[in-house]
Amino acid sequence: MATGYLEILRARHAARLLVGTLVGRLPNATAAIAILLFVRAEGGSYSLAGALAGVYGVANAVGQPVLGRLVDLRGQPRVQLPAAVLSGLAMAVFAFAGIGSLPLAYAAVAGAGLFTPPLEGGLRALWSSVLRKEEHVHTAYAMDAVAQEVMFTVGPLLVTLCVSLWSAQAALLVLNAVGVLGALSVVVSPPSRAWRSAPREAHWLGALRSPGLLALLAAFLFIGMALGSITVASVPYADDHGGDVVYGWLMAALGFGALVGGAVYGARQWAGEPARRLRVLVALLVVCYLPLTLMPDAVPMVALTALAGVFLAPAIACAFVLVDRHAPRGTVTEAFSWLVTTFTVGHSAGTGVAGPVVEVGGALWGFALPGVAGGVSLLVLTATGRVLAAPGGGGVVAAGSENDPNRAVEPRFSSGDRA
C-alpha cells in the first residue's frame, strides 16, 4: 500500500501540490464546524448556526464552478490566490462582527463561501501534468481522497483545540490565515503556473452538458446531505456526553474511518465497471450510517462514527474516475469543481435540514437523516446506471494533446468559437 503512494509522492512537485492544496482547503473543510461553534459561543441557536453554515455552503456551491471555469480560461494563479485572500477577509469580518448584525453575518459568510478557491478541482487538473501514466493518475485520485480525510480528521481537532486554547473567534481567524498560505504555496509552484486547460468548444453549460456528469452530481448531492446532517446531529449528542471534546472526536472519527477505507481502496487497481463499483460502495456507506441511531456512550459512538466514514473516501475516489470519463474536453477544473459544489450544496442542505429536525426530535432524528439521504443517492445511481456506464458524450473525440487526460467524448457544436 505504502509503495504505491510513495511512488506517486516521489514525482516532482507532487507532495508540494498535495500538501498545499490540503492546507489551502482547511478553512472550507472546517467551516461548518467552526461556524457552528462560533455561533453557539455567541449565544445563537442551532437553527441560526445551521442557516449560516448553509449560506456559506450555498455561496461556496455557486462560486466553485464559476471560479473553476475562470481557472480553465485564465490559469490557476490569476484566480486561486485573489479568491483565497478575499475569502479569508470575508471570514475575518464575520469573526469580528459576530451575530449582532444578522445581515452582516450572512453577507460575510456568503462572501467567504463565494470566493473559496477551487483548489480541489485544480489539483486534479494538475495530476496529469505531474504524473504521466493513467494508472498513476487514478492512484493519485485515491491518494487525494485519503489525504483529504487526514485533513477532515485533523481539522475538527484543530478547531476544537483553537476554541479550547483561545476562542471560537480565534479558530476562524487562524484557520483562514493558514488557508491563504496553502493556496499561495500551490499557485507559485511551476506546475500550477505552467498549466493550461485544453481548448474547449464554447457552450454556456460547460461541463454540465454531460449527462453522465449530471447523474453523478445528483447522487453526490444526497451523500453530502448525509454528512451535513451528521455534523449537526453530533452537536446535541456531544452536549449530553462530554461537550466539545467529544464533538471533536466524533468529527475526527468520521474522517479517520474514511482515511482507513480510502487507504485500503487505493492500494490496488480495481478491474470492472466503476459505475457498478460506485453503487456497491454507496450501498455499504448507507449500511454503515444506520447504527448511528443507536447513540451509545461516547467511546462506542466514536467507533460507530468511524465505521460510518469507512466507505466515503473509496466512493469519492471512484467518483473522480467517473468525472474524468464524463467531463467534456477542456472543462476538467470546472467538472471537478461541480462535484465539489454539489457535495457542498448537499452538505449545506443537510446542516440546514438537520438543525430544525434536531430541535424538534433531538439527536436521534438527526442521526436518522444520513441513512435516508444515502438511500436516495443509491436510488439515483441505480436509475442512471446505463448513463454512467456509457462513454462520456456521443460525438467524436477531439484529437490533440491536452493536460486533462480524460479523453472524454465531446459533442460537437456548430460554433467554432473557443471558450
Protein backbone atom coordinates (compact mmCIF):
# COMPACT_ATOMS: atom_id res chain seq x y z
CA MET A 1 0.00 0.00 0.00
CA ALA A 2 2.70 2.45 1.05
CA THR A 3 4.82 1.62 -2.01
CA GLY A 4 2.12 2.73 -4.45
CA TYR A 5 1.57 6.03 -2.69
CA LEU A 6 5.31 6.70 -2.28
CA GLU A 7 5.78 6.20 -6.00
CA ILE A 8 3.27 8.99 -6.60
CA LEU A 9 4.80 11.31 -3.99
CA ARG A 10 8.30 10.84 -5.41
CA ALA A 11 7.15 12.54 -8.61
CA ARG A 12 8.46 16.09 -8.82
CA HIS A 13 6.13 18.67 -7.21
CA ALA A 14 3.53 16.02 -6.24
CA ALA A 15 3.99 16.27 -2.47
CA ARG A 16 4.05 20.07 -2.53
CA LEU A 17 0.88 20.29 -4.57
CA LEU A 18 -0.93 17.77 -2.39
CA VAL A 19 0.05 19.35 0.93
CA GLY A 20 -0.50 22.90 -0.29
CA THR A 21 -3.97 22.03 -1.56
CA LEU A 22 -4.93 20.33 1.68
CA VAL A 23 -3.74 23.27 3.78
CA GLY A 24 -5.43 25.71 1.43
CA ARG A 25 -8.71 23.83 1.74
CA LEU A 26 -8.60 23.71 5.55
CA PRO A 27 -10.90 26.75 6.01
CA ASN A 28 -13.50 25.25 3.70
CA ALA A 29 -13.26 21.79 5.25
CA THR A 30 -13.75 23.12 8.78
CA ALA A 31 -16.14 25.99 8.01
CA ALA A 32 -19.35 24.22 9.08
CA ILE A 33 -17.84 23.11 12.40
CA ALA A 34 -16.16 26.46 13.07
CA ILE A 35 -19.35 28.39 12.29
CA LEU A 36 -21.45 26.10 14.50
CA LEU A 37 -19.11 26.51 17.46
CA PHE A 38 -18.72 30.26 16.92
CA VAL A 39 -22.47 30.90 16.75
CA ARG A 40 -23.04 28.80 19.86
CA ALA A 41 -20.30 30.75 21.67
CA GLU A 42 -22.09 33.95 20.65
CA GLY A 43 -25.34 32.70 22.15
CA GLY A 44 -27.06 31.82 18.88
CA SER A 45 -29.42 28.89 18.28
CA TYR A 46 -28.77 25.65 16.40
CA SER A 47 -31.12 26.87 13.68
CA LEU A 48 -29.12 30.08 13.21
CA ALA A 49 -25.85 28.15 13.17
CA GLY A 50 -27.24 25.72 10.62
CA ALA A 51 -28.60 28.58 8.50
CA LEU A 52 -25.27 30.44 8.47
CA ALA A 53 -23.38 27.26 7.64
CA GLY A 54 -25.94 26.62 4.92
CA VAL A 55 -25.47 30.10 3.43
CA TYR A 56 -21.71 29.55 3.40
CA GLY A 57 -22.21 26.24 1.64
CA VAL A 58 -24.65 27.60 -0.96
CA ALA A 59 -22.32 30.53 -1.72
CA ASN A 60 -19.45 28.09 -2.00
CA ALA A 61 -21.54 25.98 -4.34
CA VAL A 62 -22.12 28.99 -6.59
CA GLY A 63 -18.51 30.12 -6.52
CA GLN A 64 -16.73 26.82 -7.17
CA PRO A 65 -17.89 26.16 -10.75
CA VAL A 66 -17.67 29.84 -11.67
CA LEU A 67 -14.11 30.09 -10.36
CA GLY A 68 -13.35 26.67 -11.85
CA ARG A 69 -14.38 27.89 -15.30
CA LEU A 70 -12.26 31.01 -14.82
CA VAL A 71 -9.29 28.78 -13.93
CA ASP A 72 -9.83 26.78 -17.13
CA LEU A 73 -9.89 30.03 -19.10
CA ARG A 74 -7.29 32.17 -17.29
CA GLY A 75 -4.99 29.76 -15.47
CA GLN A 76 -4.63 28.97 -11.78
CA PRO A 77 -2.51 31.75 -10.20
CA ARG A 78 -4.63 34.61 -11.57
CA VAL A 79 -7.77 33.15 -9.98
CA GLN A 80 -6.83 30.99 -6.99
CA LEU A 81 -4.78 33.40 -4.88
CA PRO A 82 -7.03 36.50 -5.13
CA ALA A 83 -10.01 34.29 -4.32
CA ALA A 84 -8.28 32.85 -1.25
CA VAL A 85 -7.45 36.32 0.08
CA LEU A 86 -10.99 37.60 -0.43
CA SER A 87 -12.48 34.52 1.24
CA GLY A 88 -10.20 34.91 4.26
CA LEU A 89 -11.02 38.60 4.61
CA ALA A 90 -14.77 37.90 4.50
CA MET A 91 -14.49 35.27 7.24
CA ALA A 92 -12.44 37.74 9.32
CA VAL A 93 -15.32 40.22 9.04
CA PHE A 94 -17.69 37.53 10.34
CA ALA A 95 -15.33 36.67 13.21
CA PHE A 96 -15.04 40.29 14.36
CA ALA A 97 -18.66 41.33 13.73
CA GLY A 98 -20.28 38.22 15.24
CA ILE A 99 -24.02 37.73 15.04
CA GLY A 100 -25.02 41.11 16.42
CA SER A 101 -25.98 42.22 12.92
CA LEU A 102 -27.50 39.27 11.11
CA PRO A 103 -27.43 40.87 7.63
CA LEU A 104 -23.70 41.50 8.01
CA ALA A 105 -23.14 37.97 9.35
CA TYR A 106 -24.97 36.40 6.42
CA ALA A 107 -23.16 38.64 3.92
CA ALA A 108 -19.76 37.83 5.42
CA VAL A 109 -20.20 34.04 5.39
CA ALA A 110 -21.67 34.28 1.89
CA GLY A 111 -18.58 36.18 0.71
CA ALA A 112 -16.27 33.67 2.38
CA GLY A 113 -18.02 30.80 0.66
CA LEU A 114 -18.33 32.51 -2.72
CA PHE A 115 -14.60 33.25 -3.03
CA THR A 116 -13.32 29.92 -1.72
CA PRO A 117 -10.69 28.98 -4.36
CA PRO A 118 -11.31 25.78 -6.35
CA LEU A 119 -8.07 24.18 -5.15
CA GLU A 120 -9.54 20.69 -5.11
CA GLY A 121 -10.56 20.72 -8.76
CA GLY A 122 -7.32 22.49 -9.63
CA LEU A 123 -5.21 19.74 -8.07
CA ARG A 124 -6.99 17.03 -10.04
CA ALA A 125 -6.40 19.01 -13.20
CA LEU A 126 -2.68 19.15 -12.36
CA TRP A 127 -2.18 15.45 -11.68
CA SER A 128 -1.96 14.59 -15.38
CA SER A 129 0.84 17.13 -15.94
CA VAL A 130 2.79 15.82 -12.94
CA LEU A 131 2.08 12.10 -13.44
CA ARG A 132 2.39 10.80 -16.98
CA LYS A 133 0.75 7.39 -16.64
CA GLU A 134 -3.03 6.98 -16.49
CA GLU A 135 -2.82 4.32 -13.76
CA HIS A 136 -0.72 6.70 -11.67
CA VAL A 137 -3.34 9.42 -12.09
CA HIS A 138 -6.05 7.04 -10.83
CA THR A 139 -3.87 6.08 -7.87
CA ALA A 140 -3.35 9.78 -7.20
CA TYR A 141 -7.12 10.26 -7.10
CA ALA A 142 -7.35 7.63 -4.37
CA MET A 143 -4.39 9.13 -2.52
CA ASP A 144 -6.00 12.55 -2.87
CA ALA A 145 -9.20 11.26 -1.27
CA VAL A 146 -7.19 9.63 1.54
CA ALA A 147 -5.19 12.80 2.16
CA GLN A 148 -8.39 14.82 2.35
CA GLU A 149 -9.60 12.53 5.10
CA VAL A 150 -6.39 13.26 7.02
CA MET A 151 -7.47 16.89 6.84
CA PHE A 152 -11.01 16.02 7.88
CA THR A 153 -9.57 14.02 10.78
CA VAL A 154 -7.15 16.70 11.93
CA GLY A 155 -9.33 19.69 11.03
CA PRO A 156 -12.05 19.21 13.68
CA LEU A 157 -9.37 18.62 16.31
CA LEU A 158 -7.62 21.83 15.26
CA VAL A 159 -10.90 23.74 15.51
CA THR A 160 -11.69 22.43 18.98
CA LEU A 161 -8.06 22.94 20.04
CA CYS A 162 -8.18 26.58 18.97
CA VAL A 163 -11.51 27.01 20.73
CA SER A 164 -10.15 25.43 23.91
CA LEU A 165 -6.87 27.38 23.93
CA TRP A 166 -8.22 30.70 22.70
CA SER A 167 -11.76 31.15 21.39
CA ALA A 168 -14.12 30.25 18.56
CA GLN A 169 -13.28 33.63 17.02
CA ALA A 170 -9.56 32.77 17.02
CA ALA A 171 -10.33 29.45 15.34
CA LEU A 172 -11.99 31.24 12.42
CA LEU A 173 -9.13 33.71 12.02
CA VAL A 174 -6.24 31.25 12.38
CA LEU A 175 -7.65 28.60 10.04
CA ASN A 176 -8.38 31.11 7.29
CA ALA A 177 -4.94 32.68 7.55
CA VAL A 178 -3.35 29.24 7.23
CA GLY A 179 -5.60 28.53 4.23
CA VAL A 180 -4.29 31.57 2.35
CA LEU A 181 -0.72 30.36 2.89
CA GLY A 182 -1.65 26.94 1.49
CA ALA A 183 -3.16 28.48 -1.64
CA LEU A 184 -0.06 30.62 -2.08
CA SER A 185 2.16 27.53 -1.93
CA VAL A 186 0.17 25.91 -4.75
CA VAL A 187 -0.12 28.82 -7.17
CA VAL A 188 3.58 29.74 -7.10
CA SER A 189 4.61 26.16 -7.98
CA PRO A 190 5.87 25.54 -11.54
CA PRO A 191 3.08 23.07 -12.50
CA SER A 192 0.36 25.49 -11.42
CA ARG A 193 1.97 28.43 -13.24
CA ALA A 194 2.52 26.38 -16.41
CA TRP A 195 -0.82 24.58 -16.54
CA ARG A 196 -3.32 25.47 -19.24
CA SER A 197 -6.61 23.77 -19.93
CA ALA A 198 -7.24 22.11 -23.29
CA PRO A 199 -9.13 24.14 -25.89
CA ARG A 200 -12.86 23.83 -25.41
CA GLU A 201 -15.90 24.39 -27.56
CA ALA A 202 -17.88 27.42 -26.44
CA HIS A 203 -21.07 26.35 -24.68
CA TRP A 204 -22.93 28.08 -21.88
CA LEU A 205 -23.49 24.82 -19.99
CA GLY A 206 -19.79 23.99 -19.93
CA ALA A 207 -19.20 20.68 -18.15
CA LEU A 208 -22.90 20.32 -17.34
CA ARG A 209 -23.71 19.28 -20.90
CA SER A 210 -22.53 15.77 -19.97
CA PRO A 211 -25.49 13.51 -18.92
CA GLY A 212 -23.14 11.18 -17.05
CA LEU A 213 -21.73 14.03 -15.01
CA LEU A 214 -25.25 15.25 -14.17
CA ALA A 215 -26.21 11.79 -12.91
CA LEU A 216 -23.11 11.62 -10.74
CA LEU A 217 -23.74 15.08 -9.31
CA ALA A 218 -27.33 14.17 -8.40
CA ALA A 219 -26.11 11.14 -6.45
CA PHE A 220 -23.44 13.06 -4.55
CA LEU A 221 -25.89 15.77 -3.59
CA PHE A 222 -27.51 13.29 -1.20
CA ILE A 223 -24.22 11.91 0.09
CA GLY A 224 -23.35 15.48 1.02
CA MET A 225 -26.70 15.78 2.80
CA ALA A 226 -25.89 12.71 4.84
CA LEU A 227 -22.59 14.16 6.03
CA GLY A 228 -24.12 17.55 6.77
CA SER A 229 -26.79 16.03 8.98
CA ILE A 230 -24.14 14.06 10.92
CA THR A 231 -22.26 17.31 11.57
CA VAL A 232 -25.30 18.92 13.19
CA ALA A 233 -26.73 15.86 14.96
CA SER A 234 -23.38 15.27 16.66
CA VAL A 235 -23.54 18.62 18.48
CA PRO A 236 -26.51 17.86 20.81
CA TYR A 237 -25.23 14.30 21.24
CA ALA A 238 -21.84 15.67 22.36
CA ASP A 239 -23.52 18.17 24.69
CA ASP A 240 -25.07 15.22 26.54
CA HIS A 241 -21.91 13.07 26.52
CA GLY A 242 -18.94 15.30 27.29
CA GLY A 243 -19.11 18.55 25.32
CA ASP A 244 -16.81 19.99 22.66
CA VAL A 245 -14.07 17.41 23.14
CA VAL A 246 -16.47 14.58 22.29
CA TYR A 247 -17.77 16.53 19.31
CA GLY A 248 -14.24 16.98 18.00
CA TRP A 249 -13.55 13.25 18.37
CA LEU A 250 -16.76 12.34 16.57
CA MET A 251 -15.89 14.53 13.60
CA ALA A 252 -12.30 13.28 13.62
CA ALA A 253 -13.51 9.67 13.76
CA LEU A 254 -15.64 10.24 10.68
CA GLY A 255 -12.58 11.43 8.80
CA PHE A 256 -10.37 8.68 10.24
CA GLY A 257 -12.77 5.99 9.07
CA ALA A 258 -12.73 7.43 5.56
CA LEU A 259 -8.95 7.65 5.71
CA VAL A 260 -8.62 3.95 6.52
CA GLY A 261 -11.15 2.94 3.89
CA GLY A 262 -9.55 5.12 1.25
CA ALA A 263 -6.05 3.86 2.04
CA VAL A 264 -7.15 0.26 1.58
CA TYR A 265 -9.13 1.07 -1.56
CA GLY A 266 -6.26 2.93 -3.19
CA ALA A 267 -3.74 0.16 -2.52
CA ARG A 268 -4.81 -1.80 -5.60
CA GLN A 269 -6.03 -1.31 -9.14
CA TRP A 270 -9.70 -2.19 -9.46
CA ALA A 271 -10.99 -4.03 -12.50
CA GLY A 272 -14.55 -3.79 -13.76
CA GLU A 273 -17.01 -1.02 -14.38
CA PRO A 274 -16.51 1.96 -11.99
CA ALA A 275 -20.22 2.88 -12.12
CA ARG A 276 -21.17 -0.54 -10.76
CA ARG A 277 -18.43 -0.33 -8.14
CA LEU A 278 -19.71 3.07 -7.03
CA ARG A 279 -23.20 1.63 -6.44
CA VAL A 280 -21.73 -1.07 -4.20
CA LEU A 281 -19.68 1.46 -2.26
CA VAL A 282 -22.67 3.76 -1.69
CA ALA A 283 -24.80 0.80 -0.56
CA LEU A 284 -22.13 -0.09 2.01
CA LEU A 285 -22.00 3.55 3.06
CA VAL A 286 -25.74 3.53 3.78
CA VAL A 287 -25.47 0.32 5.80
CA CYS A 288 -22.78 1.90 7.97
CA TYR A 289 -24.88 5.02 8.60
CA LEU A 290 -27.74 3.10 10.22
CA PRO A 291 -26.01 2.15 13.52
CA LEU A 292 -25.58 5.84 14.39
CA THR A 293 -29.22 5.89 15.53
CA LEU A 294 -28.26 3.58 18.44
CA MET A 295 -26.45 6.54 20.10
CA PRO A 296 -24.43 4.57 22.69
CA ASP A 297 -21.94 6.11 25.12
CA ALA A 298 -19.14 8.29 23.80
CA VAL A 299 -16.45 5.66 23.16
CA PRO A 300 -18.61 3.21 21.16
CA MET A 301 -20.26 6.16 19.39
CA VAL A 302 -16.84 7.33 18.21
CA ALA A 303 -16.26 3.81 16.86
CA LEU A 304 -19.63 3.82 15.05
CA THR A 305 -18.85 7.22 13.57
CA ALA A 306 -15.53 5.91 12.27
CA LEU A 307 -17.41 2.97 10.71
CA ALA A 308 -19.81 5.43 9.05
CA GLY A 309 -16.88 7.03 7.25
CA VAL A 310 -15.11 3.89 6.01
CA PHE A 311 -16.64 3.81 2.52
CA LEU A 312 -16.73 7.57 1.94
CA ALA A 313 -13.22 8.05 0.52
CA PRO A 314 -13.50 4.97 -1.75
CA ALA A 315 -16.79 6.33 -3.11
CA ILE A 316 -15.21 9.74 -3.74
CA ALA A 317 -12.14 8.22 -5.43
CA CYS A 318 -14.40 6.13 -7.67
CA ALA A 319 -16.40 9.26 -8.49
CA PHE A 320 -13.19 11.03 -9.60
CA VAL A 321 -12.64 8.33 -12.23
CA LEU A 322 -16.20 8.82 -13.48
CA VAL A 323 -15.78 12.59 -13.62
CA ASP A 324 -12.63 12.02 -15.67
CA ARG A 325 -14.64 9.83 -18.02
CA HIS A 326 -17.61 12.13 -18.50
CA ALA A 327 -16.13 15.65 -18.37
CA PRO A 328 -16.17 17.28 -21.84
CA ARG A 329 -12.76 18.17 -23.20
CA GLY A 330 -11.28 21.37 -21.77
CA THR A 331 -13.61 21.51 -18.75
CA VAL A 332 -11.61 19.43 -16.28
CA THR A 333 -11.32 22.01 -13.47
CA GLU A 334 -14.93 23.06 -13.89
CA ALA A 335 -16.16 19.45 -13.87
CA PHE A 336 -14.32 18.59 -10.66
CA SER A 337 -15.48 21.90 -9.18
CA TRP A 338 -19.07 20.93 -9.95
CA LEU A 339 -18.55 17.74 -7.93
CA VAL A 340 -17.25 19.84 -5.03
CA THR A 341 -20.17 22.23 -5.49
CA THR A 342 -22.82 19.54 -5.48
CA PHE A 343 -21.29 17.86 -2.47
CA THR A 344 -21.16 21.22 -0.68
CA VAL A 345 -24.76 22.05 -1.56
CA GLY A 346 -25.80 18.68 -0.19
CA HIS A 347 -23.76 19.19 2.96
CA SER A 348 -25.29 22.63 3.45
CA ALA A 349 -28.79 21.29 2.84
CA GLY A 350 -28.07 18.57 5.37
CA THR A 351 -26.99 21.09 8.01
CA GLY A 352 -29.95 23.33 7.22
CA VAL A 353 -32.48 20.50 7.47
CA ALA A 354 -30.86 18.82 10.47
CA GLY A 355 -30.94 21.99 12.60
CA PRO A 356 -34.75 22.20 12.91
CA VAL A 357 -35.03 18.39 12.94
CA VAL A 358 -32.67 18.18 15.92
CA GLU A 359 -34.52 20.94 17.75
CA VAL A 360 -37.83 19.08 17.30
CA GLY A 361 -36.78 15.44 17.65
CA GLY A 362 -33.33 15.56 19.21
CA ALA A 363 -30.13 13.88 18.08
CA LEU A 364 -31.93 10.61 17.27
CA TRP A 365 -33.89 12.15 14.41
CA GLY A 366 -30.75 13.92 13.23
CA PHE A 367 -28.85 10.63 13.01
CA ALA A 368 -31.72 9.05 11.08
CA LEU A 369 -31.23 11.54 8.22
CA PRO A 370 -27.92 10.10 6.86
CA GLY A 371 -29.47 6.70 6.16
CA VAL A 372 -32.40 8.28 4.32
CA ALA A 373 -30.18 10.59 2.23
CA GLY A 374 -27.76 7.77 1.42
CA GLY A 375 -30.65 5.57 0.31
CA VAL A 376 -31.83 8.24 -2.11
CA SER A 377 -28.29 8.52 -3.51
CA LEU A 378 -28.24 4.77 -4.13
CA LEU A 379 -31.58 5.00 -5.95
CA VAL A 380 -30.20 7.75 -8.20
CA LEU A 381 -27.13 5.68 -9.08
CA THR A 382 -29.28 2.65 -9.81
CA ALA A 383 -31.70 4.60 -12.01
CA THR A 384 -28.87 6.21 -14.00
CA GLY A 385 -26.64 3.14 -14.24
CA ARG A 386 -26.69 2.97 -18.05
CA VAL A 387 -25.83 6.64 -18.40
CA LEU A 388 -22.88 6.37 -16.01
CA ALA A 389 -21.61 3.18 -17.64
CA ALA A 390 -21.66 4.70 -21.14
CA PRO A 391 -18.69 6.65 -22.56
CA GLY A 392 -18.95 10.38 -21.98
CA GLY A 393 -20.91 12.22 -24.65
CA GLY A 394 -21.81 10.93 -28.05
CA GLY A 395 -19.61 12.77 -30.50
CA VAL A 396 -16.13 12.39 -31.85
CA VAL A 397 -13.12 12.54 -29.62
CA ALA A 398 -11.09 15.59 -30.42
CA ALA A 399 -7.55 14.92 -31.46
CA GLY A 400 -4.51 16.54 -29.97
CA SER A 401 -2.76 16.56 -26.65
CA GLU A 402 -4.26 18.13 -23.55
CA ASN A 403 -3.39 18.45 -19.91
CA ASP A 404 -6.58 16.78 -18.74
CA PRO A 405 -6.24 13.10 -19.66
CA ASN A 406 -9.87 12.06 -19.54
CA ARG A 407 -10.16 11.92 -23.33
CA ALA A 408 -13.89 12.30 -22.75
CA VAL A 409 -16.02 12.12 -25.84
CA GLU A 410 -17.40 15.56 -26.53
CA PRO A 411 -20.43 16.50 -28.59
CA ARG A 412 -19.62 18.95 -31.37
CA PHE A 413 -21.38 22.27 -31.78
CA SER A 414 -21.87 24.40 -34.83
CA SER A 415 -19.94 27.32 -33.40
CA GLY A 416 -16.21 27.28 -33.95
CA ASP A 417 -15.59 29.70 -31.10
CA ARG A 418 -13.34 28.66 -28.26
CA ALA A 419 -14.42 29.33 -24.70
